[in-house]
Amino acid sequence: MSKIYGYCRISTGKQSIERQHRNILKEYQNAIIIDEAFTGTKIEGRREFNKLISKVSLGDIIVFDSVSRMSRNADEGYKLYEKLFNAGIELVFLKEQHINTSTYKKALTSNIEMTGTNVDFILEGINKYLLALAKEQIKLAFMQSEKEVEDLHQRTKEGIETARLNGKQIGQKKGSKLITKKSIQSKEQILKYSKDFKGTLSDVEVMKLIGLARNTYYKYKKELVNELNNYIE
């Protein structure tokens, strides 16, 4: 029997996931909700999402509040979309219903019938155009999602600069728990090298460069994001 899953993702523990719950359950009351808190654009590292992808089967439905909850990386998102579509998994995006797999499937199957005349040459071109248009709409949706991340990174950098110019220090506030010298140095390096902040390196590259274990790296990165949020209006 087919199952309906609602995948909900937030970037930090401070954000609320309830809005995504409400939106999905309003349309799919029997949806099995999968929650995840993960900072980053890559699907790699999103444990709950990868578990979900590995267990869904033909006829199952995955519902997202928006395309950004599935992926904020254009190339990766489109490839996964195609993979799941070809596996018979239905994808639903509540805020971008024009790229639901049901719409894409309709574009694939609702071809204009040939007439057996010279007009077929034109009709075949129209069919190819409609299919290409459907694919382009899907790609554009993921590209827009990726652009939103780039805009956020720019605002983060501007927030860092604003904090610096105002003489504010990004780090633990007075009276907070004691932190180690290693964590301070590690956060400074993450801030400097990660493409999510001031740098150009991926998470894996930064981990290798500064010699941090995966769990420790993401712990520091999450803390750093929370600290930076205090300076972004």
C-alpha atoms as a PDB file:
ATOM      1  CA  MET A   1       0.000   0.000   0.000  1.00  0.00           C
ATOM      2  CA  SER A   2       1.330   3.420  -0.988  1.00  0.00           C
ATOM      3  CA  LYS A   3       2.401   5.801   1.779  1.00  0.00           C
ATOM      4  CA  ILE A   4       2.388   9.570   2.032  1.00  0.00           C
ATOM      5  CA  TYR A   5       5.367  11.259   3.693  1.00  0.00           C
ATOM      6  CA  GLY A   6       5.647  14.915   4.609  1.00  0.00           C
ATOM      7  CA  TYR A   7       9.270  16.056   4.784  1.00  0.00           C
ATOM      8  CA  CYS A   8       9.890  19.158   6.916  1.00  0.00           C
ATOM      9  CA  ARG A   9      13.290  20.789   7.337  1.00  0.00           C
ATOM     10  CA  ILE A  10      14.608  23.760   9.297  1.00  0.00           C
ATOM     11  CA  SER A  11      18.164  25.110   9.382  1.00  0.00           C
ATOM     12  CA  THR A  12      18.570  25.696  13.117  1.00  0.00           C
ATOM     13  CA  GLY A  13      16.970  24.552  16.335  1.00  0.00           C
ATOM     14  CA  LYS A  14      15.732  28.100  16.962  1.00  0.00           C
ATOM     15  CA  GLN A  15      13.416  28.029  13.973  1.00  0.00           C
ATOM     16  CA  SER A  16       9.857  26.702  14.120  1.00  0.00           C
ATOM     17  CA  ILE A  17       8.835  23.731  12.005  1.00  0.00           C
ATOM     18  CA  GLU A  18       5.156  23.950  12.908  1.00  0.00           C
ATOM     19  CA  ARG A  19       4.199  26.011   9.859  1.00  0.00           C
ATOM     20  CA  GLN A  20       5.430  23.267   7.541  1.00  0.00           C
ATOM     21  CA  HIS A  21       3.494  20.690   9.585  1.00  0.00           C
ATOM     22  CA  ARG A  22       0.286  22.689   9.272  1.00  0.00           C
ATOM     23  CA  ASN A  23       0.618  23.269   5.544  1.00  0.00           C
ATOM     24  CA  ILE A  24       1.279  19.612   4.748  1.00  0.00           C
ATOM     25  CA  LEU A  25      -1.313  18.115   7.105  1.00  0.00           C
ATOM     26  CA  LYS A  26      -3.945  20.534   5.817  1.00  0.00           C
ATOM     27  CA  GLU A  27      -3.681  18.913   2.383  1.00  0.00           C
ATOM     28  CA  TYR A  28      -2.617  15.391   3.417  1.00  0.00           C
ATOM     29  CA  GLN A  29      -4.090  14.506   6.813  1.00  0.00           C
ATOM     30  CA  ASN A  30      -2.590  10.991   6.801  1.00  0.00           C
ATOM     31  CA  ALA A  31       0.933  12.090   5.930  1.00  0.00           C
ATOM     32  CA  ILE A  32       3.762  10.577   7.968  1.00  0.00           C
ATOM     33  CA  ILE A  33       5.773  13.622   9.047  1.00  0.00           C
ATOM     34  CA  ILE A  34       9.571  13.453   8.850  1.00  0.00           C
ATOM     35  CA  ASP A  35      11.397  16.287  10.641  1.00  0.00           C
ATOM     36  CA  GLU A  36      14.990  17.362  10.225  1.00  0.00           C
ATOM     37  CA  ALA A  37      17.200  20.245  11.377  1.00  0.00           C
ATOM     38  CA  PHE A  38      20.142  20.692   9.030  1.00  0.00           C
ATOM     39  CA  THR A  39      22.243  23.654   7.955  1.00  0.00           C
ATOM     40  CA  GLY A  40      23.645  23.546   4.432  1.00  0.00           C
ATOM     41  CA  THR A  41      22.631  23.165   0.797  1.00  0.00           C
ATOM     42  CA  LYS A  42      23.778  19.610   0.137  1.00  0.00           C
ATOM     43  CA  ILE A  43      21.609  16.523   0.535  1.00  0.00           C
ATOM     44  CA  GLU A  44      24.643  14.685   1.889  1.00  0.00           C
ATOM     45  CA  GLY A  45      24.484  14.724   5.686  1.00  0.00           C
ATOM     46  CA  ARG A  46      20.706  15.006   5.886  1.00  0.00           C
ATOM     47  CA  ARG A  47      20.194  11.703   7.669  1.00  0.00           C
ATOM     48  CA  GLU A  48      16.414  11.689   7.908  1.00  0.00           C
ATOM     49  CA  PHE A  49      15.968  12.698   4.279  1.00  0.00           C
ATOM     50  CA  ASN A  50      18.381  10.047   3.060  1.00  0.00           C
ATOM     51  CA  LYS A  51      16.605   7.435   5.170  1.00  0.00           C
ATOM     52  CA  LEU A  52      13.332   8.501   3.576  1.00  0.00           C
ATOM     53  CA  ILE A  53      14.731   8.301   0.042  1.00  0.00           C
ATOM     54  CA  SER A  54      16.121   4.820   0.703  1.00  0.00           C
ATOM     55  CA  LYS A  55      12.792   3.391   1.895  1.00  0.00           C
ATOM     56  CA  VAL A  56      10.208   4.958  -0.438  1.00  0.00           C
ATOM     57  CA  SER A  57       8.903   2.703  -3.180  1.00  0.00           C
ATOM     58  CA  LEU A  58       6.756   2.805  -6.310  1.00  0.00           C
ATOM     59  CA  GLY A  59       3.566   4.783  -5.729  1.00  0.00           C
ATOM     60  CA  ASP A  60       4.690   6.515  -2.536  1.00  0.00           C
ATOM     61  CA  ILE A  61       4.269  10.280  -2.202  1.00  0.00           C
ATOM     62  CA  ILE A  62       6.681  12.801  -0.655  1.00  0.00           C
ATOM     63  CA  VAL A  63       5.164  16.184   0.159  1.00  0.00           C
ATOM     64  CA  PHE A  64       7.275  19.328   0.674  1.00  0.00           C
ATOM     65  CA  ASP A  65       6.077  22.736   1.815  1.00  0.00           C
ATOM     66  CA  SER A  66       8.330  24.200  -0.880  1.00  0.00           C
ATOM     67  CA  VAL A  67      11.063  23.124  -3.285  1.00  0.00           C
ATOM     68  CA  SER A  68      13.687  24.638  -0.962  1.00  0.00           C
ATOM     69  CA  ARG A  69      12.873  21.963   1.641  1.00  0.00           C
ATOM     70  CA  MET A  70      13.964  19.291  -0.851  1.00  0.00           C
ATOM     71  CA  SER A  71      17.129  20.966  -2.087  1.00  0.00           C
ATOM     72  CA  ARG A  72      18.832  24.358  -2.309  1.00  0.00           C
ATOM     73  CA  ASN A  73      21.339  23.106  -4.875  1.00  0.00           C
ATOM     74  CA  ALA A  74      20.038  23.383  -8.446  1.00  0.00           C
ATOM     75  CA  ASP A  75      21.993  20.553 -10.076  1.00  0.00           C
ATOM     76  CA  GLU A  76      21.631  18.139  -7.177  1.00  0.00           C
ATOM     77  CA  GLY A  77      17.937  18.905  -6.727  1.00  0.00           C
ATOM     78  CA  TYR A  78      17.065  18.360 -10.377  1.00  0.00           C
ATOM     79  CA  LYS A  79      19.017  15.088 -10.572  1.00  0.00           C
ATOM     80  CA  LEU A  80      17.263  13.756  -7.475  1.00  0.00           C
ATOM     81  CA  TYR A  81      13.896  14.886  -8.858  1.00  0.00           C
ATOM     82  CA  GLU A  82      14.540  12.892 -12.057  1.00  0.00           C
ATOM     83  CA  LYS A  83      15.760   9.869 -10.082  1.00  0.00           C
ATOM     84  CA  LEU A  84      12.691   9.742  -7.856  1.00  0.00           C
ATOM     85  CA  PHE A  85      10.355  10.405 -10.782  1.00  0.00           C
ATOM     86  CA  ASN A  86      11.856   7.504 -12.730  1.00  0.00           C
ATOM     87  CA  ALA A  87      11.443   5.294  -9.655  1.00  0.00           C
ATOM     88  CA  GLY A  88       7.721   6.023  -9.600  1.00  0.00           C
ATOM     89  CA  ILE A  89       7.794   8.294  -6.536  1.00  0.00           C
ATOM     90  CA  GLU A  90       5.341  11.189  -6.616  1.00  0.00           C
ATOM     91  CA  LEU A  91       6.723  14.536  -5.464  1.00  0.00           C
ATOM     92  CA  VAL A  92       4.407  17.326  -4.316  1.00  0.00           C
ATOM     93  CA  PHE A  93       5.523  20.916  -3.698  1.00  0.00           C
ATOM     94  CA  LEU A  94       2.731  22.893  -2.046  1.00  0.00           C
ATOM     95  CA  LYS A  95       4.131  26.304  -2.998  1.00  0.00           C
ATOM     96  CA  GLU A  96       5.295  25.313  -6.513  1.00  0.00           C
ATOM     97  CA  GLN A  97       2.595  22.953  -7.740  1.00  0.00           C
ATOM     98  CA  HIS A  98       3.534  23.597 -11.369  1.00  0.00           C
ATOM     99  CA  ILE A  99       6.581  21.343 -10.883  1.00  0.00           C
ATOM    100  CA  ASN A 100       4.818  18.454  -9.129  1.00  0.00           C
ATOM    101  CA  THR A 101       5.744  15.135 -10.727  1.00  0.00           C
ATOM    102  CA  SER A 102       2.107  14.674 -11.730  1.00  0.00           C
ATOM    103  CA  THR A 103       2.420  17.814 -13.879  1.00  0.00           C
ATOM    104  CA  TYR A 104       5.706  16.589 -15.340  1.00  0.00           C
ATOM    105  CA  LYS A 105       4.195  13.177 -16.077  1.00  0.00           C
ATOM    106  CA  LYS A 106       1.312  14.850 -17.889  1.00  0.00           C
ATOM    107  CA  ALA A 107       3.789  16.724 -20.067  1.00  0.00           C
ATOM    108  CA  LEU A 108       5.489  13.420 -20.920  1.00  0.00           C
ATOM    109  CA  THR A 109       2.328  11.512 -21.775  1.00  0.00           C
ATOM    110  CA  SER A 110      -0.081  14.116 -23.148  1.00  0.00           C
ATOM    111  CA  ASN A 111       1.558  14.435 -26.532  1.00  0.00           C
ATOM    112  CA  ILE A 112      -0.341  15.872 -29.466  1.00  0.00           C
ATOM    113  CA  GLU A 113      -1.393  12.950 -31.664  1.00  0.00           C
ATOM    114  CA  MET A 114       0.195  12.563 -35.058  1.00  0.00           C
ATOM    115  CA  THR A 115      -1.976  12.908 -38.153  1.00  0.00           C
ATOM    116  CA  GLY A 116      -0.018  10.878 -40.663  1.00  0.00           C
ATOM    117  CA  THR A 117       0.496  13.962 -42.829  1.00  0.00           C
ATOM    118  CA  ASN A 118       3.268  16.489 -43.401  1.00  0.00           C
ATOM    119  CA  VAL A 119       1.894  18.427 -40.421  1.00  0.00           C
ATOM    120  CA  ASP A 120       3.361  15.756 -38.124  1.00  0.00           C
ATOM    121  CA  PHE A 121       6.777  17.362 -38.500  1.00  0.00           C
ATOM    122  CA  ILE A 122       5.412  20.491 -36.831  1.00  0.00           C
ATOM    123  CA  LEU A 123       3.429  18.547 -34.220  1.00  0.00           C
ATOM    124  CA  GLU A 124       6.521  16.558 -33.231  1.00  0.00           C
ATOM    125  CA  GLY A 125       8.379  19.830 -32.700  1.00  0.00           C
ATOM    126  CA  ILE A 126       5.559  21.117 -30.497  1.00  0.00           C
ATOM    127  CA  ASN A 127       5.669  17.948 -28.362  1.00  0.00           C
ATOM    128  CA  LYS A 128       9.412  18.273 -27.867  1.00  0.00           C
ATOM    129  CA  TYR A 129       8.995  21.944 -26.969  1.00  0.00           C
ATOM    130  CA  LEU A 130       6.339  21.206 -24.337  1.00  0.00           C
ATOM    131  CA  LEU A 131       8.538  18.541 -22.747  1.00  0.00           C
ATOM    132  CA  ALA A 132      11.567  20.848 -22.766  1.00  0.00           C
ATOM    133  CA  LEU A 133       9.445  23.607 -21.231  1.00  0.00           C
ATOM    134  CA  ALA A 134       8.337  21.315 -18.383  1.00  0.00           C
ATOM    135  CA  LYS A 135      11.953  20.334 -17.653  1.00  0.00           C
ATOM    136  CA  GLU A 136      13.033  23.977 -17.724  1.00  0.00           C
ATOM    137  CA  GLN A 137      10.350  24.942 -15.197  1.00  0.00           C
ATOM    138  CA  ILE A 138      11.645  22.283 -12.790  1.00  0.00           C
ATOM    139  CA  LYS A 139      15.246  23.429 -13.201  1.00  0.00           C
ATOM    140  CA  LEU A 140      14.267  27.080 -12.689  1.00  0.00           C
ATOM    141  CA  ALA A 141      12.506  26.255  -9.418  1.00  0.00           C
ATOM    142  CA  PHE A 142      15.655  24.637  -8.003  1.00  0.00           C
ATOM    143  CA  MET A 143      17.808  27.478  -9.350  1.00  0.00           C
ATOM    144  CA  GLN A 144      15.613  29.997  -7.521  1.00  0.00           C
ATOM    145  CA  SER A 145      15.976  27.967  -4.335  1.00  0.00           C
ATOM    146  CA  GLU A 146      19.766  28.035  -4.736  1.00  0.00           C
ATOM    147  CA  LYS A 147      19.709  31.801  -5.347  1.00  0.00           C
ATOM    148  CA  GLU A 148      17.864  32.316  -2.064  1.00  0.00           C
ATOM    149  CA  VAL A 149      20.806  30.644  -0.278  1.00  0.00           C
ATOM    150  CA  GLU A 150      23.306  32.864  -2.080  1.00  0.00           C
ATOM    151  CA  ASP A 151      21.297  35.937  -1.080  1.00  0.00           C
ATOM    152  CA  LEU A 152      21.248  34.713   2.536  1.00  0.00           C
ATOM    153  CA  HIS A 153      25.018  34.213   2.498  1.00  0.00           C
ATOM    154  CA  GLN A 154      25.431  37.772   1.231  1.00  0.00           C
ATOM    155  CA  ARG A 155      23.219  39.124   4.013  1.00  0.00           C
ATOM    156  CA  THR A 156      25.215  37.060   6.523  1.00  0.00           C
ATOM    157  CA  LYS A 157      28.493  38.569   5.304  1.00  0.00           C
ATOM    158  CA  GLU A 158      26.969  42.029   5.503  1.00  0.00           C
ATOM    159  CA  GLY A 159      25.759  41.249   9.034  1.00  0.00           C
ATOM    160  CA  ILE A 160      29.265  40.193  10.043  1.00  0.00           C
ATOM    161  CA  GLU A 161      30.697  43.414   8.647  1.00  0.00           C
ATOM    162  CA  THR A 162      28.021  45.486  10.381  1.00  0.00           C
ATOM    163  CA  ALA A 163      28.787  43.780  13.691  1.00  0.00           C
ATOM    164  CA  ARG A 164      32.506  44.435  13.211  1.00  0.00           C
ATOM    165  CA  LEU A 165      31.982  48.109  12.397  1.00  0.00           C
ATOM    166  CA  ASN A 166      29.790  48.476  15.470  1.00  0.00           C
ATOM    167  CA  GLY A 167      32.532  47.008  17.634  1.00  0.00           C
ATOM    168  CA  LYS A 168      30.616  43.826  18.387  1.00  0.00           C
ATOM    169  CA  GLN A 169      32.363  40.511  18.837  1.00  0.00           C
ATOM    170  CA  ILE A 170      30.849  37.343  17.430  1.00  0.00           C
ATOM    171  CA  GLY A 171      31.122  34.710  20.113  1.00  0.00           C
ATOM    172  CA  GLN A 172      29.957  33.774  23.595  1.00  0.00           C
ATOM    173  CA  LYS A 173      28.122  36.470  25.549  1.00  0.00           C
ATOM    174  CA  LYS A 174      29.219  37.564  29.010  1.00  0.00           C
ATOM    175  CA  GLY A 175      27.954  35.188  31.655  1.00  0.00           C
ATOM    176  CA  SER A 176      27.566  32.227  29.292  1.00  0.00           C
ATOM    177  CA  LYS A 177      29.167  28.878  29.883  1.00  0.00           C
ATOM    178  CA  LEU A 178      32.919  28.457  29.529  1.00  0.00           C
ATOM    179  CA  ILE A 179      34.087  27.493  26.065  1.00  0.00           C
ATOM    180  CA  THR A 180      37.390  25.989  24.988  1.00  0.00           C
ATOM    181  CA  LYS A 181      40.161  27.682  23.062  1.00  0.00           C
ATOM    182  CA  LYS A 182      39.782  24.982  20.409  1.00  0.00           C
ATOM    183  CA  SER A 183      36.125  25.824  19.779  1.00  0.00           C
ATOM    184  CA  ILE A 184      36.912  29.532  19.425  1.00  0.00           C
ATOM    185  CA  GLN A 185      39.736  28.869  16.974  1.00  0.00           C
ATOM    186  CA  SER A 186      37.676  26.318  15.050  1.00  0.00           C
ATOM    187  CA  LYS A 187      34.753  28.720  14.650  1.00  0.00           C
ATOM    188  CA  GLU A 188      37.101  31.441  13.435  1.00  0.00           C
ATOM    189  CA  GLN A 189      38.449  29.057  10.796  1.00  0.00           C
ATOM    190  CA  ILE A 190      34.961  27.904   9.764  1.00  0.00           C
ATOM    191  CA  LEU A 191      33.939  31.554   9.442  1.00  0.00           C
ATOM    192  CA  LYS A 192      37.015  32.256   7.325  1.00  0.00           C
ATOM    193  CA  TYR A 193      37.018  29.243   4.996  1.00  0.00           C
ATOM    194  CA  SER A 194      33.398  27.975   4.672  1.00  0.00           C
ATOM    195  CA  LYS A 195      31.513  29.104   1.577  1.00  0.00           C
ATOM    196  CA  ASP A 196      28.460  29.485   3.807  1.00  0.00           C
ATOM    197  CA  PHE A 197      30.217  32.450   5.432  1.00  0.00           C
ATOM    198  CA  LYS A 198      33.298  34.341   4.206  1.00  0.00           C
ATOM    199  CA  GLY A 199      35.149  31.598   2.341  1.00  0.00           C
ATOM    200  CA  THR A 200      34.895  29.388  -0.739  1.00  0.00           C
ATOM    201  CA  LEU A 201      35.377  25.839   0.599  1.00  0.00           C
ATOM    202  CA  SER A 202      32.767  23.110   1.031  1.00  0.00           C
ATOM    203  CA  ASP A 203      32.007  21.534   4.408  1.00  0.00           C
ATOM    204  CA  VAL A 204      34.138  18.467   3.609  1.00  0.00           C
ATOM    205  CA  GLU A 205      37.073  20.631   2.508  1.00  0.00           C
ATOM    206  CA  VAL A 206      36.908  22.772   5.668  1.00  0.00           C
ATOM    207  CA  MET A 207      36.734  19.661   7.872  1.00  0.00           C
ATOM    208  CA  LYS A 208      39.887  18.291   6.255  1.00  0.00           C
ATOM    209  CA  LEU A 209      41.665  21.643   6.368  1.00  0.00           C
ATOM    210  CA  ILE A 210      41.148  22.314  10.084  1.00  0.00           C
ATOM    211  CA  GLY A 211      41.076  18.674  11.191  1.00  0.00           C
ATOM    212  CA  LEU A 212      37.654  18.420  12.794  1.00  0.00           C
ATOM    213  CA  ALA A 213      35.464  15.343  13.125  1.00  0.00           C
ATOM    214  CA  ARG A 214      32.162  15.563  11.252  1.00  0.00           C
ATOM    215  CA  ASN A 215      29.921  15.815  14.339  1.00  0.00           C
ATOM    216  CA  THR A 216      32.152  18.414  15.979  1.00  0.00           C
ATOM    217  CA  TYR A 217      32.316  20.458  12.784  1.00  0.00           C
ATOM    218  CA  TYR A 218      28.548  20.645  12.358  1.00  0.00           C
ATOM    219  CA  LYS A 219      28.134  21.375  16.080  1.00  0.00           C
ATOM    220  CA  TYR A 220      30.445  24.385  15.825  1.00  0.00           C
ATOM    221  CA  LYS A 221      28.884  25.493  12.540  1.00  0.00           C
ATOM    222  CA  LYS A 222      25.385  25.381  14.019  1.00  0.00           C
ATOM    223  CA  GLU A 223      26.527  27.394  17.056  1.00  0.00           C
ATOM    224  CA  LEU A 224      28.185  29.902  14.737  1.00  0.00           C
ATOM    225  CA  VAL A 225      25.010  30.310  12.670  1.00  0.00           C
ATOM    226  CA  ASN A 226      23.015  30.952  15.853  1.00  0.00           C
ATOM    227  CA  GLU A 227      25.556  33.542  16.980  1.00  0.00           C
ATOM    228  CA  LEU A 228      25.503  35.304  13.608  1.00  0.00           C
ATOM    229  CA  ASN A 229      21.699  35.430  13.597  1.00  0.00           C
ATOM    230  CA  ASN A 230      21.926  37.860  16.488  1.00  0.00           C
ATOM    231  CA  TYR A 231      23.538  40.420  14.179  1.00  0.00           C
ATOM    232  CA  ILE A 232      21.364  40.046  11.085  1.00  0.00           C
ATOM    233  CA  GLU A 233      18.276  42.222  10.987  1.00  0.00           C
END
